[in-house]
Amino acid sequence: MAEDNRRVSNGDQVNRIAALALKRGKSVDFTGYWQRHVQS
């Protein structure tokens, strides 16, 4: 069963997501994507 996040404020939810994203580090798949770098 999923966690019940209805009573968590929006700001806390955003902070959790941002912290998880920053902890994850750079994505190998999307690094340089916007510059159209293709690694073949």
PDB file of N, CA and C in Angstrom:
ATOM      1  N   MET A   1       0.835  -1.182   0.000  1.00  0.00           N
ATOM      2  CA  MET A   1       0.000   0.000   0.000  1.00  0.00           C
ATOM      3  C   MET A   1       0.886   1.253   0.000  1.00  0.00           C
ATOM      4  N   ALA A   2       0.477   2.265  -0.740  1.00  0.00           N
ATOM      5  CA  ALA A   2       1.262   3.493  -0.873  1.00  0.00           C
ATOM      6  C   ALA A   2       1.184   4.338   0.394  1.00  0.00           C
ATOM      7  N   GLU A   3       2.155   5.215   0.544  1.00  0.00           N
ATOM      8  CA  GLU A   3       2.149   6.116   1.688  1.00  0.00           C
ATOM      9  C   GLU A   3       1.032   7.143   1.547  1.00  0.00           C
ATOM     10  N   ASP A   4       0.488   7.583   2.664  1.00  0.00           N
ATOM     11  CA  ASP A   4      -0.557   8.600   2.665  1.00  0.00           C
ATOM     12  C   ASP A   4       0.095   9.962   2.841  1.00  0.00           C
ATOM     13  N   ASN A   5       0.183  10.738   1.759  1.00  0.00           N
ATOM     14  CA  ASN A   5       0.837  12.048   1.790  1.00  0.00           C
ATOM     15  C   ASN A   5      -0.166  13.196   1.805  1.00  0.00           C
ATOM     16  N   ARG A   6      -1.437  12.914   2.082  1.00  0.00           N
ATOM     17  CA  ARG A   6      -2.440  13.973   2.045  1.00  0.00           C
ATOM     18  C   ARG A   6      -2.215  15.017   3.125  1.00  0.00           C
ATOM     19  N   ARG A   7      -1.617  14.627   4.253  1.00  0.00           N
ATOM     20  CA  ARG A   7      -1.444  15.588   5.340  1.00  0.00           C
ATOM     21  C   ARG A   7      -0.054  16.229   5.330  1.00  0.00           C
ATOM     22  N   VAL A   8       0.726  15.985   4.293  1.00  0.00           N
ATOM     23  CA  VAL A   8       2.045  16.614   4.163  1.00  0.00           C
ATOM     24  C   VAL A   8       1.873  17.864   3.308  1.00  0.00           C
ATOM     25  N   SER A   9       2.397  18.995   3.771  1.00  0.00           N
ATOM     26  CA  SER A   9       2.227  20.244   3.024  1.00  0.00           C
ATOM     27  C   SER A   9       2.927  20.170   1.661  1.00  0.00           C
ATOM     28  N   ASN A  10       2.441  20.983   0.747  1.00  0.00           N
ATOM     29  CA  ASN A  10       3.018  21.009  -0.604  1.00  0.00           C
ATOM     30  C   ASN A  10       4.494  21.371  -0.566  1.00  0.00           C
ATOM     31  N   GLY A  11       4.845  22.331   0.288  1.00  0.00           N
ATOM     32  CA  GLY A  11       6.247  22.733   0.399  1.00  0.00           C
ATOM     33  C   GLY A  11       7.128  21.585   0.863  1.00  0.00           C
ATOM     34  N   ASP A  12       6.653  20.806   1.832  1.00  0.00           N
ATOM     35  CA  ASP A  12       7.425  19.654   2.300  1.00  0.00           C
ATOM     36  C   ASP A  12       7.574  18.608   1.206  1.00  0.00           C
ATOM     37  N   GLN A  13       6.516  18.400   0.429  1.00  0.00           N
ATOM     38  CA  GLN A  13       6.595  17.425  -0.668  1.00  0.00           C
ATOM     39  C   GLN A  13       7.610  17.871  -1.715  1.00  0.00           C
ATOM     40  N   VAL A  14       7.600  19.156  -2.058  1.00  0.00           N
ATOM     41  CA  VAL A  14       8.560  19.682  -3.044  1.00  0.00           C
ATOM     42  C   VAL A  14       9.981  19.547  -2.519  1.00  0.00           C
ATOM     43  N   ASN A  15      10.177  19.867  -1.235  1.00  0.00           N
ATOM     44  CA  ASN A  15      11.510  19.752  -0.649  1.00  0.00           C
ATOM     45  C   ASN A  15      12.003  18.314  -0.675  1.00  0.00           C
ATOM     46  N   ARG A  16      11.137  17.362  -0.405  1.00  0.00           N
ATOM     47  CA  ARG A  16      11.528  15.940  -0.444  1.00  0.00           C
ATOM     48  C   ARG A  16      11.942  15.522  -1.851  1.00  0.00           C
ATOM     49  N   ILE A  17      11.144  15.914  -2.832  1.00  0.00           N
ATOM     50  CA  ILE A  17      11.451  15.543  -4.222  1.00  0.00           C
ATOM     51  C   ILE A  17      12.760  16.185  -4.679  1.00  0.00           C
ATOM     52  N   ALA A  18      12.945  17.464  -4.341  1.00  0.00           N
ATOM     53  CA  ALA A  18      14.172  18.161  -4.730  1.00  0.00           C
ATOM     54  C   ALA A  18      15.388  17.520  -4.067  1.00  0.00           C
ATOM     55  N   ALA A  19      15.259  17.155  -2.795  1.00  0.00           N
ATOM     56  CA  ALA A  19      16.380  16.525  -2.094  1.00  0.00           C
ATOM     57  C   ALA A  19      16.732  15.183  -2.725  1.00  0.00           C
ATOM     58  N   LEU A  20      15.725  14.406  -3.080  1.00  0.00           N
ATOM     59  CA  LEU A  20      15.986  13.109  -3.718  1.00  0.00           C
ATOM     60  C   LEU A  20      16.633  13.293  -5.091  1.00  0.00           C
ATOM     61  N   ALA A  21      16.156  14.273  -5.852  1.00  0.00           N
ATOM     62  CA  ALA A  21      16.706  14.517  -7.194  1.00  0.00           C
ATOM     63  C   ALA A  21      18.160  14.972  -7.109  1.00  0.00           C
ATOM     64  N   LEU A  22      18.466  15.860  -6.153  1.00  0.00           N
ATOM     65  CA  LEU A  22      19.838  16.353  -6.024  1.00  0.00           C
ATOM     66  C   LEU A  22      20.773  15.278  -5.494  1.00  0.00           C
ATOM     67  N   LYS A  23      20.279  14.405  -4.658  1.00  0.00           N
ATOM     68  CA  LYS A  23      21.093  13.331  -4.101  1.00  0.00           C
ATOM     69  C   LYS A  23      21.462  12.316  -5.189  1.00  0.00           C
ATOM     70  N   ARG A  24      20.587  12.178  -6.171  1.00  0.00           N
ATOM     71  CA  ARG A  24      20.766  11.185  -7.228  1.00  0.00           C
ATOM     72  C   ARG A  24      21.970  11.492  -8.118  1.00  0.00           C
ATOM     73  N   GLY A  25      22.240  12.752  -8.371  1.00  0.00           N
ATOM     74  CA  GLY A  25      23.387  13.118  -9.210  1.00  0.00           C
ATOM     75  C   GLY A  25      23.007  13.237 -10.679  1.00  0.00           C
ATOM     76  N   LYS A  26      24.017  13.408 -11.512  1.00  0.00           N
ATOM     77  CA  LYS A  26      23.774  13.613 -12.933  1.00  0.00           C
ATOM     78  C   LYS A  26      23.321  12.326 -13.602  1.00  0.00           C
ATOM     79  N   SER A  27      22.420  12.469 -14.550  1.00  0.00           N
ATOM     80  CA  SER A  27      21.948  11.343 -15.329  1.00  0.00           C
ATOM     81  C   SER A  27      22.888  11.116 -16.514  1.00  0.00           C
ATOM     82  N   VAL A  28      23.351   9.909 -16.657  1.00  0.00           N
ATOM     83  CA  VAL A  28      24.229   9.573 -17.780  1.00  0.00           C
ATOM     84  C   VAL A  28      23.456   9.679 -19.096  1.00  0.00           C
ATOM     85  N   ASP A  29      22.181   9.305 -19.079  1.00  0.00           N
ATOM     86  CA  ASP A  29      21.380   9.303 -20.304  1.00  0.00           C
ATOM     87  C   ASP A  29      21.050  10.710 -20.798  1.00  0.00           C
ATOM     88  N   PHE A  30      20.841  11.661 -19.874  1.00  0.00           N
ATOM     89  CA  PHE A  30      20.385  12.981 -20.283  1.00  0.00           C
ATOM     90  C   PHE A  30      21.457  14.052 -20.217  1.00  0.00           C
ATOM     91  N   THR A  31      22.658  13.732 -19.786  1.00  0.00           N
ATOM     92  CA  THR A  31      23.734  14.712 -19.747  1.00  0.00           C
ATOM     93  C   THR A  31      24.065  15.151 -21.176  1.00  0.00           C
ATOM     94  N   GLY A  32      23.990  16.465 -21.446  1.00  0.00           N
ATOM     95  CA  GLY A  32      24.271  16.999 -22.781  1.00  0.00           C
ATOM     96  C   GLY A  32      23.138  16.845 -23.757  1.00  0.00           C
ATOM     97  N   TYR A  33      21.975  16.373 -23.286  1.00  0.00           N
ATOM     98  CA  TYR A  33      20.836  16.152 -24.193  1.00  0.00           C
ATOM     99  C   TYR A  33      20.420  17.439 -24.895  1.00  0.00           C
ATOM    100  N   TRP A  34      20.328  18.531 -24.120  1.00  0.00           N
ATOM    101  CA  TRP A  34      19.867  19.799 -24.699  1.00  0.00           C
ATOM    102  C   TRP A  34      20.858  20.353 -25.712  1.00  0.00           C
ATOM    103  N   GLN A  35      22.116  19.867 -25.680  1.00  0.00           N
ATOM    104  CA  GLN A  35      23.122  20.315 -26.635  1.00  0.00           C
ATOM    105  C   GLN A  35      23.199  19.382 -27.835  1.00  0.00           C
ATOM    106  N   ARG A  36      22.340  18.400 -27.846  1.00  0.00           N
ATOM    107  CA  ARG A  36      22.264  17.411 -28.943  1.00  0.00           C
ATOM    108  C   ARG A  36      23.534  16.595 -29.082  1.00  0.00           C
ATOM    109  N   HIS A  37      24.205  16.334 -27.970  1.00  0.00           N
ATOM    110  CA  HIS A  37      25.379  15.484 -28.026  1.00  0.00           C
ATOM    111  C   HIS A  37      24.922  14.039 -28.134  1.00  0.00           C
ATOM    112  N   VAL A  38      25.441  13.348 -29.107  1.00  0.00           N
ATOM    113  CA  VAL A  38      25.074  11.947 -29.299  1.00  0.00           C
ATOM    114  C   VAL A  38      26.327  11.119 -29.065  1.00  0.00           C
ATOM    115  N   GLN A  39      26.214  10.159 -28.158  1.00  0.00           N
ATOM    116  CA  GLN A  39      27.346   9.272 -27.898  1.00  0.00           C
ATOM    117  C   GLN A  39      27.076   7.950 -28.595  1.00  0.00           C
ATOM    118  N   SER A  40      27.845   7.684 -29.650  1.00  0.00           N
ATOM    119  CA  SER A  40      27.632   6.458 -30.419  1.00  0.00           C
ATOM    120  C   SER A  40      28.813   5.529 -30.258  1.00  0.00           C
TER     121      SER A  40
END
